[in-house]
Amino acid sequence: MREYPNLYTDISALTQFNKPGCLKEALTKPEFSGREVYGTDFPLINTALVSPWYSFHLSLREKIQIWRTKNPWDRDVLMKHDLGVPAETFARTAQMFGKLD
């Protein structure tokens, strides 16, 4: 990452059940700090591949709140937020490419 200052990493698939701990690892690596961008991996967020029930890092209350969220994008954002994704990560795409209308 040091060699490529304009390289960013997309966090879309890091909440899938087959990637346990990957999101936490990506969020704690110093070389990734400030270089994560939000992604959804749509339509996979509507499948059993992505579910709050797989995460050991969420409380039961958080899991229920996420599960009850009807909109898949809202559910995905809420889950990633509750797993520690900072607010800046969700805004970074608009910052990189300009405000999207």
N, C-alpha and C. Protein backbone atom coordinates (compact mmCIF):
# COMPACT_ATOMS: atom_id res chain seq x y z
N MET A 1 0.82 -1.19 0.00
CA MET A 1 0.00 0.00 0.00
C MET A 1 0.87 1.26 0.00
N ARG A 2 2.03 1.21 0.62
CA ARG A 2 2.90 2.39 0.63
C ARG A 2 3.36 2.76 -0.77
N GLU A 3 3.55 1.76 -1.60
CA GLU A 3 4.00 2.01 -2.97
C GLU A 3 2.93 2.66 -3.83
N TYR A 4 1.67 2.51 -3.45
CA TYR A 4 0.55 2.99 -4.25
C TYR A 4 -0.34 3.90 -3.41
N PRO A 5 -0.01 5.18 -3.33
CA PRO A 5 -0.76 6.08 -2.46
C PRO A 5 -2.21 6.32 -2.88
N ASN A 6 -2.58 5.99 -4.09
CA ASN A 6 -3.95 6.16 -4.55
C ASN A 6 -4.73 4.85 -4.58
N LEU A 7 -4.22 3.83 -3.93
CA LEU A 7 -4.89 2.54 -3.87
C LEU A 7 -5.79 2.49 -2.63
N TYR A 8 -7.03 2.08 -2.85
CA TYR A 8 -7.99 1.96 -1.77
C TYR A 8 -8.52 0.53 -1.74
N THR A 9 -9.09 0.14 -0.62
CA THR A 9 -9.65 -1.20 -0.49
C THR A 9 -11.15 -1.12 -0.23
N ASP A 10 -11.88 -1.98 -0.88
CA ASP A 10 -13.34 -2.03 -0.78
C ASP A 10 -13.71 -3.07 0.29
N ILE A 11 -14.59 -2.70 1.20
CA ILE A 11 -14.94 -3.59 2.31
C ILE A 11 -16.20 -4.42 2.05
N SER A 12 -16.67 -4.46 0.81
CA SER A 12 -17.97 -5.07 0.51
C SER A 12 -18.11 -6.51 0.98
N ALA A 13 -17.19 -7.37 0.66
CA ALA A 13 -17.35 -8.80 0.93
C ALA A 13 -16.88 -9.22 2.32
N LEU A 14 -16.42 -8.29 3.10
CA LEU A 14 -15.79 -8.65 4.37
C LEU A 14 -16.75 -9.02 5.49
N THR A 15 -18.05 -9.00 5.22
CA THR A 15 -19.02 -9.44 6.23
C THR A 15 -19.66 -10.78 5.85
N GLN A 16 -19.17 -11.40 4.81
CA GLN A 16 -19.71 -12.70 4.42
C GLN A 16 -19.27 -13.77 5.43
N PHE A 17 -20.11 -14.79 5.59
CA PHE A 17 -19.85 -15.80 6.62
C PHE A 17 -18.52 -16.53 6.42
N ASN A 18 -18.03 -16.59 5.19
CA ASN A 18 -16.77 -17.30 4.93
C ASN A 18 -15.55 -16.40 5.10
N LYS A 19 -15.73 -15.21 5.65
CA LYS A 19 -14.61 -14.29 5.88
C LYS A 19 -14.60 -13.81 7.34
N PRO A 20 -14.66 -14.73 8.28
CA PRO A 20 -14.71 -14.30 9.68
C PRO A 20 -13.45 -13.53 10.09
N GLY A 21 -13.66 -12.40 10.71
CA GLY A 21 -12.54 -11.61 11.21
C GLY A 21 -11.85 -10.73 10.17
N CYS A 22 -12.20 -10.88 8.90
CA CYS A 22 -11.51 -10.10 7.86
C CYS A 22 -11.79 -8.61 7.96
N LEU A 23 -13.02 -8.23 8.29
CA LEU A 23 -13.34 -6.81 8.42
C LEU A 23 -12.55 -6.20 9.57
N LYS A 24 -12.55 -6.87 10.70
CA LYS A 24 -11.81 -6.36 11.86
C LYS A 24 -10.32 -6.23 11.53
N GLU A 25 -9.78 -7.21 10.85
CA GLU A 25 -8.37 -7.16 10.46
C GLU A 25 -8.10 -5.97 9.53
N ALA A 26 -8.97 -5.77 8.55
CA ALA A 26 -8.79 -4.65 7.61
C ALA A 26 -8.88 -3.31 8.33
N LEU A 27 -9.77 -3.23 9.32
CA LEU A 27 -9.96 -1.96 10.03
C LEU A 27 -8.82 -1.66 11.00
N THR A 28 -8.04 -2.67 11.37
CA THR A 28 -6.96 -2.45 12.33
C THR A 28 -5.58 -2.39 11.70
N LYS A 29 -5.47 -2.69 10.42
CA LYS A 29 -4.16 -2.61 9.75
C LYS A 29 -3.81 -1.15 9.50
N PRO A 30 -2.71 -0.69 10.04
CA PRO A 30 -2.34 0.73 9.87
C PRO A 30 -2.22 1.14 8.40
N GLU A 31 -1.74 0.26 7.56
CA GLU A 31 -1.56 0.63 6.15
C GLU A 31 -2.88 0.82 5.41
N PHE A 32 -3.99 0.33 5.97
CA PHE A 32 -5.31 0.51 5.36
C PHE A 32 -6.03 1.73 5.92
N SER A 33 -5.53 2.30 7.00
CA SER A 33 -6.20 3.40 7.68
C SER A 33 -6.48 4.56 6.71
N GLY A 34 -7.74 4.94 6.62
CA GLY A 34 -8.13 6.03 5.73
C GLY A 34 -8.21 5.64 4.27
N ARG A 35 -8.07 4.34 3.99
CA ARG A 35 -8.06 3.90 2.60
C ARG A 35 -9.12 2.84 2.31
N GLU A 36 -10.08 2.73 3.21
CA GLU A 36 -11.20 1.80 2.99
C GLU A 36 -12.35 2.57 2.36
N VAL A 37 -13.06 1.93 1.44
CA VAL A 37 -14.27 2.52 0.87
C VAL A 37 -15.41 1.53 1.06
N TYR A 38 -16.60 2.07 1.22
CA TYR A 38 -17.78 1.24 1.43
C TYR A 38 -18.21 0.56 0.14
N GLY A 39 -18.57 -0.69 0.27
CA GLY A 39 -19.15 -1.45 -0.83
C GLY A 39 -20.19 -2.40 -0.26
N THR A 40 -21.15 -2.82 -1.08
CA THR A 40 -22.24 -3.67 -0.59
C THR A 40 -22.16 -5.11 -1.05
N ASP A 41 -21.52 -5.37 -2.17
CA ASP A 41 -21.54 -6.69 -2.79
C ASP A 41 -22.97 -7.10 -3.13
N PHE A 42 -23.78 -6.12 -3.51
CA PHE A 42 -25.16 -6.38 -3.91
C PHE A 42 -25.16 -7.25 -5.17
N PRO A 43 -25.95 -8.28 -5.26
CA PRO A 43 -27.10 -8.64 -4.46
C PRO A 43 -26.80 -9.63 -3.34
N LEU A 44 -25.54 -9.93 -3.07
CA LEU A 44 -25.22 -10.92 -2.03
C LEU A 44 -25.69 -10.51 -0.65
N ILE A 45 -25.89 -9.21 -0.42
CA ILE A 45 -26.37 -8.79 0.89
C ILE A 45 -27.79 -9.26 1.16
N ASN A 46 -28.49 -9.74 0.13
CA ASN A 46 -29.85 -10.27 0.29
C ASN A 46 -29.85 -11.78 0.47
N THR A 47 -28.71 -12.39 0.63
CA THR A 47 -28.63 -13.84 0.75
C THR A 47 -28.13 -14.24 2.13
N ALA A 48 -28.12 -15.52 2.36
CA ALA A 48 -27.63 -16.05 3.65
C ALA A 48 -26.11 -15.88 3.80
N LEU A 49 -25.41 -15.48 2.75
CA LEU A 49 -23.97 -15.26 2.85
C LEU A 49 -23.61 -14.13 3.80
N VAL A 50 -24.52 -13.17 3.91
CA VAL A 50 -24.28 -12.00 4.76
C VAL A 50 -25.40 -11.93 5.79
N SER A 51 -25.05 -12.16 7.04
CA SER A 51 -26.06 -12.15 8.10
C SER A 51 -25.39 -11.73 9.41
N PRO A 52 -26.09 -10.93 10.20
CA PRO A 52 -25.52 -10.55 11.50
C PRO A 52 -25.37 -11.75 12.44
N TRP A 53 -26.10 -12.82 12.17
CA TRP A 53 -26.07 -13.98 13.06
C TRP A 53 -24.73 -14.71 13.04
N TYR A 54 -23.91 -14.47 12.02
CA TYR A 54 -22.60 -15.12 11.93
C TYR A 54 -21.53 -14.42 12.75
N SER A 55 -21.80 -13.21 13.18
CA SER A 55 -20.76 -12.41 13.83
C SER A 55 -20.72 -12.61 15.34
N PHE A 56 -19.53 -12.91 15.83
CA PHE A 56 -19.32 -13.03 17.27
C PHE A 56 -19.07 -11.66 17.90
N HIS A 57 -18.88 -10.64 17.05
CA HIS A 57 -18.54 -9.30 17.53
C HIS A 57 -19.75 -8.41 17.75
N LEU A 58 -20.94 -8.94 17.49
CA LEU A 58 -22.18 -8.18 17.68
C LEU A 58 -22.95 -8.73 18.87
N SER A 59 -23.58 -7.83 19.60
CA SER A 59 -24.43 -8.27 20.71
C SER A 59 -25.74 -8.81 20.15
N LEU A 60 -26.47 -9.54 20.96
CA LEU A 60 -27.77 -10.05 20.54
C LEU A 60 -28.70 -8.90 20.16
N ARG A 61 -28.66 -7.83 20.91
CA ARG A 61 -29.50 -6.66 20.61
C ARG A 61 -29.16 -6.08 19.24
N GLU A 62 -27.86 -5.94 18.94
CA GLU A 62 -27.44 -5.43 17.63
C GLU A 62 -27.89 -6.37 16.51
N LYS A 63 -27.74 -7.66 16.72
CA LYS A 63 -28.14 -8.64 15.71
C LYS A 63 -29.63 -8.53 15.40
N ILE A 64 -30.44 -8.39 16.45
CA ILE A 64 -31.89 -8.29 16.26
C ILE A 64 -32.24 -7.00 15.53
N GLN A 65 -31.62 -5.90 15.91
CA GLN A 65 -31.89 -4.62 15.25
C GLN A 65 -31.51 -4.69 13.77
N ILE A 66 -30.38 -5.26 13.46
CA ILE A 66 -29.95 -5.40 12.06
C ILE A 66 -30.92 -6.30 11.32
N TRP A 67 -31.27 -7.42 11.91
CA TRP A 67 -32.15 -8.40 11.28
C TRP A 67 -33.52 -7.80 10.96
N ARG A 68 -34.00 -6.92 11.80
CA ARG A 68 -35.33 -6.31 11.61
C ARG A 68 -35.32 -5.16 10.60
N THR A 69 -34.16 -4.72 10.20
CA THR A 69 -34.07 -3.62 9.23
C THR A 69 -34.47 -4.16 7.86
N LYS A 70 -35.49 -3.58 7.27
CA LYS A 70 -36.07 -4.11 6.02
C LYS A 70 -35.21 -3.83 4.79
N ASN A 71 -34.71 -2.61 4.65
CA ASN A 71 -33.95 -2.24 3.46
C ASN A 71 -32.58 -2.91 3.49
N PRO A 72 -32.21 -3.67 2.44
CA PRO A 72 -30.94 -4.39 2.47
C PRO A 72 -29.71 -3.49 2.58
N TRP A 73 -29.74 -2.31 1.94
CA TRP A 73 -28.60 -1.41 2.05
C TRP A 73 -28.50 -0.84 3.45
N ASP A 74 -29.63 -0.47 4.02
CA ASP A 74 -29.63 0.03 5.39
C ASP A 74 -29.11 -1.04 6.35
N ARG A 75 -29.54 -2.27 6.14
CA ARG A 75 -29.10 -3.40 6.97
C ARG A 75 -27.59 -3.59 6.84
N ASP A 76 -27.08 -3.50 5.62
CA ASP A 76 -25.64 -3.67 5.39
C ASP A 76 -24.84 -2.57 6.06
N VAL A 77 -25.29 -1.33 5.91
CA VAL A 77 -24.60 -0.20 6.55
C VAL A 77 -24.64 -0.34 8.07
N LEU A 78 -25.80 -0.67 8.61
CA LEU A 78 -25.94 -0.82 10.06
C LEU A 78 -25.02 -1.92 10.59
N MET A 79 -24.97 -3.05 9.90
CA MET A 79 -24.11 -4.14 10.35
C MET A 79 -22.64 -3.71 10.32
N LYS A 80 -22.22 -3.08 9.23
CA LYS A 80 -20.82 -2.66 9.14
C LYS A 80 -20.51 -1.58 10.17
N HIS A 81 -21.44 -0.68 10.39
CA HIS A 81 -21.26 0.34 11.43
C HIS A 81 -21.09 -0.32 12.79
N ASP A 82 -22.00 -1.25 13.13
CA ASP A 82 -21.93 -1.93 14.42
C ASP A 82 -20.68 -2.78 14.58
N LEU A 83 -20.09 -3.18 13.46
CA LEU A 83 -18.83 -3.94 13.50
C LEU A 83 -17.60 -3.04 13.54
N GLY A 84 -17.83 -1.71 13.58
CA GLY A 84 -16.71 -0.79 13.79
C GLY A 84 -16.25 0.00 12.58
N VAL A 85 -16.96 -0.08 11.47
CA VAL A 85 -16.57 0.71 10.31
C VAL A 85 -16.84 2.18 10.63
N PRO A 86 -15.81 3.03 10.53
CA PRO A 86 -16.01 4.44 10.87
C PRO A 86 -16.87 5.17 9.83
N ALA A 87 -17.53 6.21 10.26
CA ALA A 87 -18.41 6.99 9.38
C ALA A 87 -17.68 7.50 8.15
N GLU A 88 -16.41 7.84 8.29
CA GLU A 88 -15.64 8.36 7.16
C GLU A 88 -15.58 7.36 6.00
N THR A 89 -15.59 6.09 6.31
CA THR A 89 -15.52 5.07 5.27
C THR A 89 -16.76 5.13 4.38
N PHE A 90 -17.91 5.38 4.96
CA PHE A 90 -19.15 5.44 4.18
C PHE A 90 -19.18 6.70 3.31
N ALA A 91 -18.49 7.75 3.70
CA ALA A 91 -18.49 9.01 2.95
C ALA A 91 -17.33 9.11 1.95
N ARG A 92 -16.37 8.22 2.07
CA ARG A 92 -15.14 8.35 1.27
C ARG A 92 -15.38 8.29 -0.24
N THR A 93 -16.31 7.49 -0.71
CA THR A 93 -16.56 7.39 -2.14
C THR A 93 -16.98 8.74 -2.71
N ALA A 94 -17.89 9.42 -2.03
CA ALA A 94 -18.33 10.74 -2.50
C ALA A 94 -17.17 11.73 -2.47
N GLN A 95 -16.30 11.61 -1.48
CA GLN A 95 -15.13 12.49 -1.40
C GLN A 95 -14.17 12.22 -2.56
N MET A 96 -14.02 10.95 -2.89
CA MET A 96 -13.08 10.57 -3.96
C MET A 96 -13.58 10.98 -5.34
N PHE A 97 -14.88 10.83 -5.58
CA PHE A 97 -15.42 11.04 -6.91
C PHE A 97 -16.29 12.29 -7.02
N GLY A 98 -16.40 13.04 -5.97
CA GLY A 98 -17.26 14.21 -5.97
C GLY A 98 -18.65 13.84 -5.51
N LYS A 99 -19.39 14.82 -5.12
CA LYS A 99 -20.74 14.60 -4.61
C LYS A 99 -21.60 13.94 -5.68
N LEU A 100 -22.29 12.89 -5.30
CA LEU A 100 -23.17 12.17 -6.21
C LEU A 100 -24.59 12.69 -6.02
N ASP A 101 -25.20 13.14 -7.08
CA ASP A 101 -26.58 13.66 -6.98
C ASP A 101 -27.57 12.65 -7.46
